[in-house]
Amino acid sequence: EANRQDYIRLEQYFDEKSKIAWDNMVYWAESYW
């Protein structure tokens, strides 16, 4: 339990800017698909 509390919860950083970055990354990745 103590170790779990030390983890960085990445989901807290997935905001509107991340959503835009994600969409751009998916667009980039489609060229490999």
PDB file of all heavy atoms in Angstrom:
ATOM      1  N   GLU A   1       0.833  -1.208   0.000  1.00  0.00           N
ATOM      2  CA  GLU A   1       0.000   0.000   0.000  1.00  0.00           C
ATOM      3  C   GLU A   1       0.866   1.256   0.000  1.00  0.00           C
ATOM      4  O   GLU A   1       0.581   2.212  -0.706  1.00  0.00           O
ATOM      5  CB  GLU A   1      -0.948   0.005   1.201  1.00  0.00           C
ATOM      6  CG  GLU A   1      -2.065  -1.007   1.098  1.00  0.00           C
ATOM      7  CD  GLU A   1      -2.961  -0.765  -0.093  1.00  0.00           C
ATOM      8  OE1 GLU A   1      -3.328   0.391  -0.351  1.00  0.00           O
ATOM      9  OE2 GLU A   1      -3.287  -1.746  -0.780  1.00  0.00           O
ATOM     10  N   ALA A   2       1.925   1.266   0.786  1.00  0.00           N
ATOM     11  CA  ALA A   2       2.823   2.426   0.836  1.00  0.00           C
ATOM     12  C   ALA A   2       3.479   2.641  -0.520  1.00  0.00           C
ATOM     13  O   ALA A   2       3.591   3.777  -0.991  1.00  0.00           O
ATOM     14  CB  ALA A   2       3.878   2.236   1.912  1.00  0.00           C
ATOM     15  N   ASN A   3       3.899   1.564  -1.164  1.00  0.00           N
ATOM     16  CA  ASN A   3       4.523   1.680  -2.476  1.00  0.00           C
ATOM     17  C   ASN A   3       3.532   2.179  -3.511  1.00  0.00           C
ATOM     18  O   ASN A   3       3.884   2.955  -4.388  1.00  0.00           O
ATOM     19  CB  ASN A   3       5.099   0.333  -2.921  1.00  0.00           C
ATOM     20  CG  ASN A   3       6.351  -0.030  -2.159  1.00  0.00           C
ATOM     21  OD1 ASN A   3       7.005   0.836  -1.590  1.00  0.00           O
ATOM     22  ND2 ASN A   3       6.664  -1.304  -2.130  1.00  0.00           N
ATOM     23  N   ARG A   4       2.290   1.738  -3.449  1.00  0.00           N
ATOM     24  CA  ARG A   4       1.277   2.185  -4.404  1.00  0.00           C
ATOM     25  C   ARG A   4       1.070   3.696  -4.294  1.00  0.00           C
ATOM     26  O   ARG A   4       0.812   4.357  -5.279  1.00  0.00           O
ATOM     27  CB  ARG A   4      -0.045   1.453  -4.184  1.00  0.00           C
ATOM     28  CG  ARG A   4      -0.009  -0.005  -4.615  1.00  0.00           C
ATOM     29  CD  ARG A   4      -1.348  -0.667  -4.433  1.00  0.00           C
ATOM     30  NE  ARG A   4      -2.418  -0.048  -5.174  1.00  0.00           N
ATOM     31  CZ  ARG A   4      -2.630  -0.164  -6.481  1.00  0.00           C
ATOM     32  NH1 ARG A   4      -1.819  -0.878  -7.211  1.00  0.00           N
ATOM     33  NH2 ARG A   4      -3.666   0.408  -7.057  1.00  0.00           N
ATOM     34  N   GLN A   5       1.191   4.241  -3.105  1.00  0.00           N
ATOM     35  CA  GLN A   5       0.995   5.676  -2.932  1.00  0.00           C
ATOM     36  C   GLN A   5       2.137   6.478  -3.531  1.00  0.00           C
ATOM     37  O   GLN A   5       1.991   7.653  -3.823  1.00  0.00           O
ATOM     38  CB  GLN A   5       0.839   6.003  -1.448  1.00  0.00           C
ATOM     39  CG  GLN A   5      -0.434   5.434  -0.869  1.00  0.00           C
ATOM     40  CD  GLN A   5      -0.507   5.601   0.639  1.00  0.00           C
ATOM     41  OE1 GLN A   5       0.368   6.196   1.254  1.00  0.00           O
ATOM     42  NE2 GLN A   5      -1.555   5.063   1.229  1.00  0.00           N
ATOM     43  N   ASP A   6       3.295   5.825  -3.749  1.00  0.00           N
ATOM     44  CA  ASP A   6       4.443   6.502  -4.322  1.00  0.00           C
ATOM     45  C   ASP A   6       4.362   6.627  -5.838  1.00  0.00           C
ATOM     46  O   ASP A   6       5.125   7.350  -6.441  1.00  0.00           O
ATOM     47  CB  ASP A   6       5.741   5.767  -3.961  1.00  0.00           C
ATOM     48  CG  ASP A   6       6.066   5.890  -2.485  1.00  0.00           C
ATOM     49  OD1 ASP A   6       5.542   6.822  -1.840  1.00  0.00           O
ATOM     50  OD2 ASP A   6       6.811   5.043  -1.975  1.00  0.00           O
ATOM     51  N   TYR A   7       3.460   5.903  -6.467  1.00  0.00           N
ATOM     52  CA  TYR A   7       3.370   5.925  -7.913  1.00  0.00           C
ATOM     53  C   TYR A   7       2.846   7.268  -8.404  1.00  0.00           C
ATOM     54  O   TYR A   7       2.020   7.903  -7.776  1.00  0.00           O
ATOM     55  CB  TYR A   7       2.436   4.826  -8.436  1.00  0.00           C
ATOM     56  CG  TYR A   7       3.047   3.458  -8.369  1.00  0.00           C
ATOM     57  CD1 TYR A   7       2.541   2.514  -7.493  1.00  0.00           C
ATOM     58  CD2 TYR A   7       4.124   3.115  -9.170  1.00  0.00           C
ATOM     59  CE1 TYR A   7       3.102   1.256  -7.416  1.00  0.00           C
ATOM     60  CE2 TYR A   7       4.687   1.867  -9.094  1.00  0.00           C
ATOM     61  CZ  TYR A   7       4.178   0.938  -8.228  1.00  0.00           C
ATOM     62  OH  TYR A   7       4.734  -0.301  -8.149  1.00  0.00           O
ATOM     63  N   ILE A   8       3.353   7.638  -9.543  1.00  0.00           N
ATOM     64  CA  ILE A   8       2.853   8.835 -10.213  1.00  0.00           C
ATOM     65  C   ILE A   8       1.621   8.406 -10.995  1.00  0.00           C
ATOM     66  O   ILE A   8       1.673   7.495 -11.805  1.00  0.00           O
ATOM     67  CB  ILE A   8       3.913   9.399 -11.179  1.00  0.00           C
ATOM     68  CG1 ILE A   8       5.141   9.816 -10.406  1.00  0.00           C
ATOM     69  CG2 ILE A   8       3.341  10.552 -11.988  1.00  0.00           C
ATOM     70  CD1 ILE A   8       6.315  10.188 -11.288  1.00  0.00           C
ATOM     71  N   ARG A   9       0.529   9.028 -10.748  1.00  0.00           N
ATOM     72  CA  ARG A   9      -0.704   8.697 -11.451  1.00  0.00           C
ATOM     73  C   ARG A   9      -0.736   9.485 -12.754  1.00  0.00           C
ATOM     74  O   ARG A   9      -1.172  10.634 -12.787  1.00  0.00           O
ATOM     75  CB  ARG A   9      -1.913   9.032 -10.584  1.00  0.00           C
ATOM     76  CG  ARG A   9      -1.905   8.380  -9.241  1.00  0.00           C
ATOM     77  CD  ARG A   9      -2.362   6.972  -9.354  1.00  0.00           C
ATOM     78  NE  ARG A   9      -2.468   6.378  -8.022  1.00  0.00           N
ATOM     79  CZ  ARG A   9      -2.447   5.092  -7.823  1.00  0.00           C
ATOM     80  NH1 ARG A   9      -2.328   4.284  -8.839  1.00  0.00           N
ATOM     81  NH2 ARG A   9      -2.546   4.599  -6.612  1.00  0.00           N
ATOM     82  N   LEU A  10      -0.265   8.853 -13.813  1.00  0.00           N
ATOM     83  CA  LEU A  10      -0.164   9.540 -15.100  1.00  0.00           C
ATOM     84  C   LEU A  10      -1.498  10.074 -15.594  1.00  0.00           C
ATOM     85  O   LEU A  10      -1.539  11.084 -16.291  1.00  0.00           O
ATOM     86  CB  LEU A  10       0.436   8.609 -16.153  1.00  0.00           C
ATOM     87  CG  LEU A  10       1.916   8.308 -16.032  1.00  0.00           C
ATOM     88  CD1 LEU A  10       2.341   7.331 -17.115  1.00  0.00           C
ATOM     89  CD2 LEU A  10       2.736   9.579 -16.131  1.00  0.00           C
ATOM     90  N   GLU A  11      -2.584   9.395 -15.225  1.00  0.00           N
ATOM     91  CA  GLU A  11      -3.897   9.830 -15.719  1.00  0.00           C
ATOM     92  C   GLU A  11      -4.241  11.255 -15.295  1.00  0.00           C
ATOM     93  O   GLU A  11      -4.989  11.946 -15.971  1.00  0.00           O
ATOM     94  CB  GLU A  11      -5.006   8.856 -15.304  1.00  0.00           C
ATOM     95  CG  GLU A  11      -5.211   8.712 -13.826  1.00  0.00           C
ATOM     96  CD  GLU A  11      -4.381   7.618 -13.179  1.00  0.00           C
ATOM     97  OE1 GLU A  11      -3.340   7.211 -13.740  1.00  0.00           O
ATOM     98  OE2 GLU A  11      -4.774   7.189 -12.090  1.00  0.00           O
ATOM     99  N   GLN A  12      -3.648  11.715 -14.193  1.00  0.00           N
ATOM    100  CA  GLN A  12      -3.941  13.078 -13.741  1.00  0.00           C
ATOM    101  C   GLN A  12      -3.374  14.127 -14.700  1.00  0.00           C
ATOM    102  O   GLN A  12      -3.801  15.275 -14.684  1.00  0.00           O
ATOM    103  CB  GLN A  12      -3.415  13.307 -12.330  1.00  0.00           C
ATOM    104  CG  GLN A  12      -1.901  13.382 -12.232  1.00  0.00           C
ATOM    105  CD  GLN A  12      -1.412  13.503 -10.813  1.00  0.00           C
ATOM    106  OE1 GLN A  12      -2.141  13.930  -9.936  1.00  0.00           O
ATOM    107  NE2 GLN A  12      -0.171  13.122 -10.580  1.00  0.00           N
ATOM    108  N   TYR A  13      -2.447  13.722 -15.546  1.00  0.00           N
ATOM    109  CA  TYR A  13      -1.840  14.659 -16.490  1.00  0.00           C
ATOM    110  C   TYR A  13      -2.496  14.618 -17.871  1.00  0.00           C
ATOM    111  O   TYR A  13      -2.142  15.399 -18.743  1.00  0.00           O
ATOM    112  CB  TYR A  13      -0.339  14.363 -16.632  1.00  0.00           C
ATOM    113  CG  TYR A  13       0.391  14.503 -15.326  1.00  0.00           C
ATOM    114  CD1 TYR A  13       0.825  13.373 -14.637  1.00  0.00           C
ATOM    115  CD2 TYR A  13       0.609  15.752 -14.759  1.00  0.00           C
ATOM    116  CE1 TYR A  13       1.479  13.499 -13.422  1.00  0.00           C
ATOM    117  CE2 TYR A  13       1.257  15.878 -13.543  1.00  0.00           C
ATOM    118  CZ  TYR A  13       1.689  14.747 -12.881  1.00  0.00           C
ATOM    119  OH  TYR A  13       2.330  14.868 -11.678  1.00  0.00           O
ATOM    120  N   PHE A  14      -3.432  13.702 -18.077  1.00  0.00           N
ATOM    121  CA  PHE A  14      -4.087  13.586 -19.379  1.00  0.00           C
ATOM    122  C   PHE A  14      -5.213  14.610 -19.459  1.00  0.00           C
ATOM    123  O   PHE A  14      -6.365  14.355 -19.132  1.00  0.00           O
ATOM    124  CB  PHE A  14      -4.613  12.161 -19.606  1.00  0.00           C
ATOM    125  CG  PHE A  14      -4.972  11.901 -21.040  1.00  0.00           C
ATOM    126  CD1 PHE A  14      -3.984  11.687 -21.986  1.00  0.00           C
ATOM    127  CD2 PHE A  14      -6.292  11.883 -21.440  1.00  0.00           C
ATOM    128  CE1 PHE A  14      -4.313  11.462 -23.317  1.00  0.00           C
ATOM    129  CE2 PHE A  14      -6.640  11.658 -22.768  1.00  0.00           C
ATOM    130  CZ  PHE A  14      -5.644  11.443 -23.703  1.00  0.00           C
ATOM    131  N   ASP A  15      -4.843  15.811 -19.883  1.00  0.00           N
ATOM    132  CA  ASP A  15      -5.778  16.933 -19.936  1.00  0.00           C
ATOM    133  C   ASP A  15      -6.124  17.270 -21.392  1.00  0.00           C
ATOM    134  O   ASP A  15      -5.861  16.474 -22.288  1.00  0.00           O
ATOM    135  CB  ASP A  15      -5.183  18.143 -19.214  1.00  0.00           C
ATOM    136  CG  ASP A  15      -3.834  18.577 -19.792  1.00  0.00           C
ATOM    137  OD1 ASP A  15      -3.443  18.086 -20.883  1.00  0.00           O
ATOM    138  OD2 ASP A  15      -3.163  19.398 -19.151  1.00  0.00           O
ATOM    139  N   GLU A  16      -6.703  18.429 -21.607  1.00  0.00           N
ATOM    140  CA  GLU A  16      -7.102  18.834 -22.971  1.00  0.00           C
ATOM    141  C   GLU A  16      -5.908  18.898 -23.917  1.00  0.00           C
ATOM    142  O   GLU A  16      -6.010  18.493 -25.079  1.00  0.00           O
ATOM    143  CB  GLU A  16      -7.848  20.166 -22.939  1.00  0.00           C
ATOM    144  CG  GLU A  16      -9.238  20.078 -22.336  1.00  0.00           C
ATOM    145  CD  GLU A  16     -10.140  19.065 -23.026  1.00  0.00           C
ATOM    146  OE1 GLU A  16     -10.186  19.035 -24.275  1.00  0.00           O
ATOM    147  OE2 GLU A  16     -10.799  18.286 -22.309  1.00  0.00           O
ATOM    148  N   LYS A  17      -4.779  19.399 -23.437  1.00  0.00           N
ATOM    149  CA  LYS A  17      -3.583  19.448 -24.286  1.00  0.00           C
ATOM    150  C   LYS A  17      -3.109  18.049 -24.631  1.00  0.00           C
ATOM    151  O   LYS A  17      -2.676  17.790 -25.755  1.00  0.00           O
ATOM    152  CB  LYS A  17      -2.460  20.229 -23.596  1.00  0.00           C
ATOM    153  CG  LYS A  17      -2.705  21.710 -23.535  1.00  0.00           C
ATOM    154  CD  LYS A  17      -1.548  22.428 -22.869  1.00  0.00           C
ATOM    155  CE  LYS A  17      -1.830  23.911 -22.772  1.00  0.00           C
ATOM    156  NZ  LYS A  17      -0.758  24.635 -22.087  1.00  0.00           N
ATOM    157  N   SER A  18      -3.205  17.144 -23.671  1.00  0.00           N
ATOM    158  CA  SER A  18      -2.818  15.754 -23.928  1.00  0.00           C
ATOM    159  C   SER A  18      -3.745  15.109 -24.951  1.00  0.00           C
ATOM    160  O   SER A  18      -3.302  14.316 -25.782  1.00  0.00           O
ATOM    161  CB  SER A  18      -2.835  14.932 -22.638  1.00  0.00           C
ATOM    162  OG  SER A  18      -1.828  15.363 -21.759  1.00  0.00           O
ATOM    163  N   LYS A  19      -5.029  15.442 -24.886  1.00  0.00           N
ATOM    164  CA  LYS A  19      -5.976  14.887 -25.859  1.00  0.00           C
ATOM    165  C   LYS A  19      -5.615  15.319 -27.273  1.00  0.00           C
ATOM    166  O   LYS A  19      -5.675  14.528 -28.217  1.00  0.00           O
ATOM    167  CB  LYS A  19      -7.403  15.305 -25.524  1.00  0.00           C
ATOM    168  CG  LYS A  19      -7.945  14.627 -24.286  1.00  0.00           C
ATOM    169  CD  LYS A  19      -9.325  15.143 -23.938  1.00  0.00           C
ATOM    170  CE  LYS A  19      -9.789  14.563 -22.606  1.00  0.00           C
ATOM    171  NZ  LYS A  19     -11.056  15.142 -22.166  1.00  0.00           N
ATOM    172  N   ILE A  20      -5.217  16.558 -27.425  1.00  0.00           N
ATOM    173  CA  ILE A  20      -4.798  17.062 -28.738  1.00  0.00           C
ATOM    174  C   ILE A  20      -3.513  16.368 -29.170  1.00  0.00           C
ATOM    175  O   ILE A  20      -3.384  15.925 -30.320  1.00  0.00           O
ATOM    176  CB  ILE A  20      -4.626  18.592 -28.705  1.00  0.00           C
ATOM    177  CG1 ILE A  20      -5.990  19.264 -28.503  1.00  0.00           C
ATOM    178  CG2 ILE A  20      -3.939  19.098 -29.980  1.00  0.00           C
ATOM    179  CD1 ILE A  20      -5.921  20.733 -28.157  1.00  0.00           C
ATOM    180  N   ALA A  21      -2.566  16.242 -28.240  1.00  0.00           N
ATOM    181  CA  ALA A  21      -1.311  15.551 -28.540  1.00  0.00           C
ATOM    182  C   ALA A  21      -1.579  14.095 -28.911  1.00  0.00           C
ATOM    183  O   ALA A  21      -0.946  13.542 -29.824  1.00  0.00           O
ATOM    184  CB  ALA A  21      -0.359  15.641 -27.347  1.00  0.00           C
ATOM    185  N   TRP A  22      -2.535  13.458 -28.198  1.00  0.00           N
ATOM    186  CA  TRP A  22      -2.880  12.074 -28.499  1.00  0.00           C
ATOM    187  C   TRP A  22      -3.445  11.961 -29.925  1.00  0.00           C
ATOM    188  O   TRP A  22      -3.045  11.087 -30.689  1.00  0.00           O
ATOM    189  CB  TRP A  22      -3.883  11.531 -27.485  1.00  0.00           C
ATOM    190  CG  TRP A  22      -4.296  10.128 -27.810  1.00  0.00           C
ATOM    191  CD1 TRP A  22      -5.480   9.727 -28.348  1.00  0.00           C
ATOM    192  CD2 TRP A  22      -3.501   8.950 -27.662  1.00  0.00           C
ATOM    193  NE1 TRP A  22      -5.469   8.371 -28.531  1.00  0.00           N
ATOM    194  CE2 TRP A  22      -4.268   7.860 -28.129  1.00  0.00           C
ATOM    195  CE3 TRP A  22      -2.212   8.712 -27.188  1.00  0.00           C
ATOM    196  CZ2 TRP A  22      -3.786   6.556 -28.117  1.00  0.00           C
ATOM    197  CZ3 TRP A  22      -1.734   7.405 -27.177  1.00  0.00           C
ATOM    198  CH2 TRP A  22      -2.518   6.353 -27.633  1.00  0.00           C
ATOM    199  N   ASP A  23      -4.364  12.837 -30.269  1.00  0.00           N
ATOM    200  CA  ASP A  23      -4.939  12.809 -31.618  1.00  0.00           C
ATOM    201  C   ASP A  23      -3.854  12.988 -32.682  1.00  0.00           C
ATOM    202  O   ASP A  23      -3.877  12.318 -33.719  1.00  0.00           O
ATOM    203  CB  ASP A  23      -6.008  13.891 -31.775  1.00  0.00           C
ATOM    204  CG  ASP A  23      -7.273  13.580 -30.981  1.00  0.00           C
ATOM    205  OD1 ASP A  23      -7.479  12.407 -30.588  1.00  0.00           O
ATOM    206  OD2 ASP A  23      -8.060  14.523 -30.755  1.00  0.00           O
ATOM    207  N   ASN A  24      -2.900  13.866 -32.421  1.00  0.00           N
ATOM    208  CA  ASN A  24      -1.783  14.066 -33.351  1.00  0.00           C
ATOM    209  C   ASN A  24      -0.911  12.819 -33.448  1.00  0.00           C
ATOM    210  O   ASN A  24      -0.445  12.455 -34.538  1.00  0.00           O
ATOM    211  CB  ASN A  24      -0.942  15.271 -32.944  1.00  0.00           C
ATOM    212  CG  ASN A  24      -1.652  16.576 -33.180  1.00  0.00           C
ATOM    213  OD1 ASN A  24      -2.517  16.684 -34.052  1.00  0.00           O
ATOM    214  ND2 ASN A  24      -1.310  17.581 -32.393  1.00  0.00           N
ATOM    215  N   MET A  25      -0.695  12.147 -32.303  1.00  0.00           N
ATOM    216  CA  MET A  25       0.123  10.934 -32.308  1.00  0.00           C
ATOM    217  C   MET A  25      -0.587   9.814 -33.071  1.00  0.00           C
ATOM    218  O   MET A  25       0.050   9.068 -33.819  1.00  0.00           O
ATOM    219  CB  MET A  25       0.458  10.476 -30.895  1.00  0.00           C
ATOM    220  CG  MET A  25       1.357   9.257 -30.887  1.00  0.00           C
ATOM    221  SD  MET A  25       1.949   8.835 -29.252  1.00  0.00           S
ATOM    222  CE  MET A  25       3.196  10.097 -29.071  1.00  0.00           C
ATOM    223  N   VAL A  26      -1.887   9.698 -32.897  1.00  0.00           N
ATOM    224  CA  VAL A  26      -2.649   8.686 -33.635  1.00  0.00           C
ATOM    225  C   VAL A  26      -2.549   8.970 -35.137  1.00  0.00           C
ATOM    226  O   VAL A  26      -2.336   8.043 -35.936  1.00  0.00           O
ATOM    227  CB  VAL A  26      -4.120   8.635 -33.165  1.00  0.00           C
ATOM    228  CG1 VAL A  26      -4.954   7.739 -34.067  1.00  0.00           C
ATOM    229  CG2 VAL A  26      -4.207   8.177 -31.714  1.00  0.00           C
ATOM    230  N   TYR A  27      -2.674  10.217 -35.507  1.00  0.00           N
ATOM    231  CA  TYR A  27      -2.547  10.601 -36.914  1.00  0.00           C
ATOM    232  C   TYR A  27      -1.182  10.186 -37.461  1.00  0.00           C
ATOM    233  O   TYR A  27      -1.072   9.605 -38.550  1.00  0.00           O
ATOM    234  CB  TYR A  27      -2.764  12.116 -37.069  1.00  0.00           C
ATOM    235  CG  TYR A  27      -2.643  12.596 -38.485  1.00  0.00           C
ATOM    236  CD1 TYR A  27      -3.680  12.399 -39.393  1.00  0.00           C
ATOM    237  CD2 TYR A  27      -1.494  13.248 -38.911  1.00  0.00           C
ATOM    238  CE1 TYR A  27      -3.571  12.837 -40.706  1.00  0.00           C
ATOM    239  CE2 TYR A  27      -1.369  13.682 -40.221  1.00  0.00           C
ATOM    240  CZ  TYR A  27      -2.405  13.475 -41.108  1.00  0.00           C
ATOM    241  OH  TYR A  27      -2.285  13.897 -42.409  1.00  0.00           O
ATOM    242  N   TRP A  28      -0.110  10.441 -36.687  1.00  0.00           N
ATOM    243  CA  TRP A  28       1.246  10.035 -37.077  1.00  0.00           C
ATOM    244  C   TRP A  28       1.338   8.519 -37.187  1.00  0.00           C
ATOM    245  O   TRP A  28       1.895   7.981 -38.145  1.00  0.00           O
ATOM    246  CB  TRP A  28       2.252  10.570 -36.045  1.00  0.00           C
ATOM    247  CG  TRP A  28       3.579   9.882 -36.088  1.00  0.00           C
ATOM    248  CD1 TRP A  28       4.591  10.101 -36.977  1.00  0.00           C
ATOM    249  CD2 TRP A  28       4.032   8.843 -35.214  1.00  0.00           C
ATOM    250  NE1 TRP A  28       5.646   9.267 -36.699  1.00  0.00           N
ATOM    251  CE2 TRP A  28       5.328   8.482 -35.627  1.00  0.00           C
ATOM    252  CE3 TRP A  28       3.470   8.189 -34.121  1.00  0.00           C
ATOM    253  CZ2 TRP A  28       6.071   7.493 -34.986  1.00  0.00           C
ATOM    254  CZ3 TRP A  28       4.211   7.198 -33.479  1.00  0.00           C
ATOM    255  CH2 TRP A  28       5.490   6.861 -33.911  1.00  0.00           C
ATOM    256  N   ALA A  29       0.773   7.804 -36.215  1.00  0.00           N
ATOM    257  CA  ALA A  29       0.879   6.345 -36.155  1.00  0.00           C
ATOM    258  C   ALA A  29       0.143   5.668 -37.305  1.00  0.00           C
ATOM    259  O   ALA A  29       0.516   4.569 -37.728  1.00  0.00           O
ATOM    260  CB  ALA A  29       0.343   5.846 -34.815  1.00  0.00           C
ATOM    261  N   GLU A  30      -0.886   6.308 -37.821  1.00  0.00           N
ATOM    262  CA  GLU A  30      -1.658   5.707 -38.917  1.00  0.00           C
ATOM    263  C   GLU A  30      -0.807   5.464 -40.154  1.00  0.00           C
ATOM    264  O   GLU A  30      -1.103   4.562 -40.943  1.00  0.00           O
ATOM    265  CB  GLU A  30      -2.869   6.575 -39.249  1.00  0.00           C
ATOM    266  CG  GLU A  30      -3.947   6.450 -38.195  1.00  0.00           C
ATOM    267  CD  GLU A  30      -5.128   7.379 -38.394  1.00  0.00           C
ATOM    268  OE1 GLU A  30      -4.999   8.382 -39.141  1.00  0.00           O
ATOM    269  OE2 GLU A  30      -6.171   7.115 -37.779  1.00  0.00           O
ATOM    270  N   SER A  31       0.282   6.212 -40.306  1.00  0.00           N
ATOM    271  CA  SER A  31       1.147   6.003 -41.469  1.00  0.00           C
ATOM    272  C   SER A  31       1.898   4.671 -41.388  1.00  0.00           C
ATOM    273  O   SER A  31       2.411   4.190 -42.395  1.00  0.00           O
ATOM    274  CB  SER A  31       2.138   7.166 -41.611  1.00  0.00           C
ATOM    275  OG  SER A  31       3.035   7.193 -40.517  1.00  0.00           O
ATOM    276  N   TYR A  32       1.955   4.061 -40.205  1.00  0.00           N
ATOM    277  CA  TYR A  32       2.611   2.769 -40.021  1.00  0.00           C
ATOM    278  C   TYR A  32       1.619   1.610 -40.076  1.00  0.00           C
ATOM    279  O   TYR A  32       1.998   0.451 -40.018  1.00  0.00           O
ATOM    280  CB  TYR A  32       3.333   2.713 -38.670  1.00  0.00           C
ATOM    281  CG  TYR A  32       4.486   3.674 -38.587  1.00  0.00           C
ATOM    282  CD1 TYR A  32       4.305   4.964 -38.102  1.00  0.00           C
ATOM    283  CD2 TYR A  32       5.756   3.295 -39.008  1.00  0.00           C
ATOM    284  CE1 TYR A  32       5.365   5.849 -38.025  1.00  0.00           C
ATOM    285  CE2 TYR A  32       6.825   4.181 -38.941  1.00  0.00           C
ATOM    286  CZ  TYR A  32       6.610   5.458 -38.462  1.00  0.00           C
ATOM    287  OH  TYR A  32       7.656   6.327 -38.392  1.00  0.00           O
ATOM    288  N   TRP A  33       0.346   1.906 -40.150  1.00  0.00           N
ATOM    289  CA  TRP A  33      -0.708   0.893 -40.046  1.00  0.00           C
ATOM    290  C   TRP A  33      -1.095   0.400 -41.429  1.00  0.00           C
ATOM    291  O   TRP A  33      -1.533   1.184 -42.269  1.00  0.00           O
ATOM    292  CB  TRP A  33      -1.917   1.500 -39.337  1.00  0.00           C
ATOM    293  CG  TRP A  33      -2.887   0.494 -38.837  1.00  0.00           C
ATOM    294  CD1 TRP A  33      -4.076   0.160 -39.426  1.00  0.00           C
ATOM    295  CD2 TRP A  33      -2.781  -0.302 -37.656  1.00  0.00           C
ATOM    296  NE1 TRP A  33      -4.709  -0.791 -38.664  1.00  0.00           N
ATOM    297  CE2 TRP A  33      -3.932  -1.096 -37.578  1.00  0.00           C
ATOM    298  CE3 TRP A  33      -1.816  -0.419 -36.657  1.00  0.00           C
ATOM    299  CZ2 TRP A  33      -4.161  -1.996 -36.540  1.00  0.00           C
ATOM    300  CZ3 TRP A  33      -2.037  -1.308 -35.621  1.00  0.00           C
ATOM    301  CH2 TRP A  33      -3.195  -2.079 -35.569  1.00  0.00           C
TER     302      TRP A  33
END
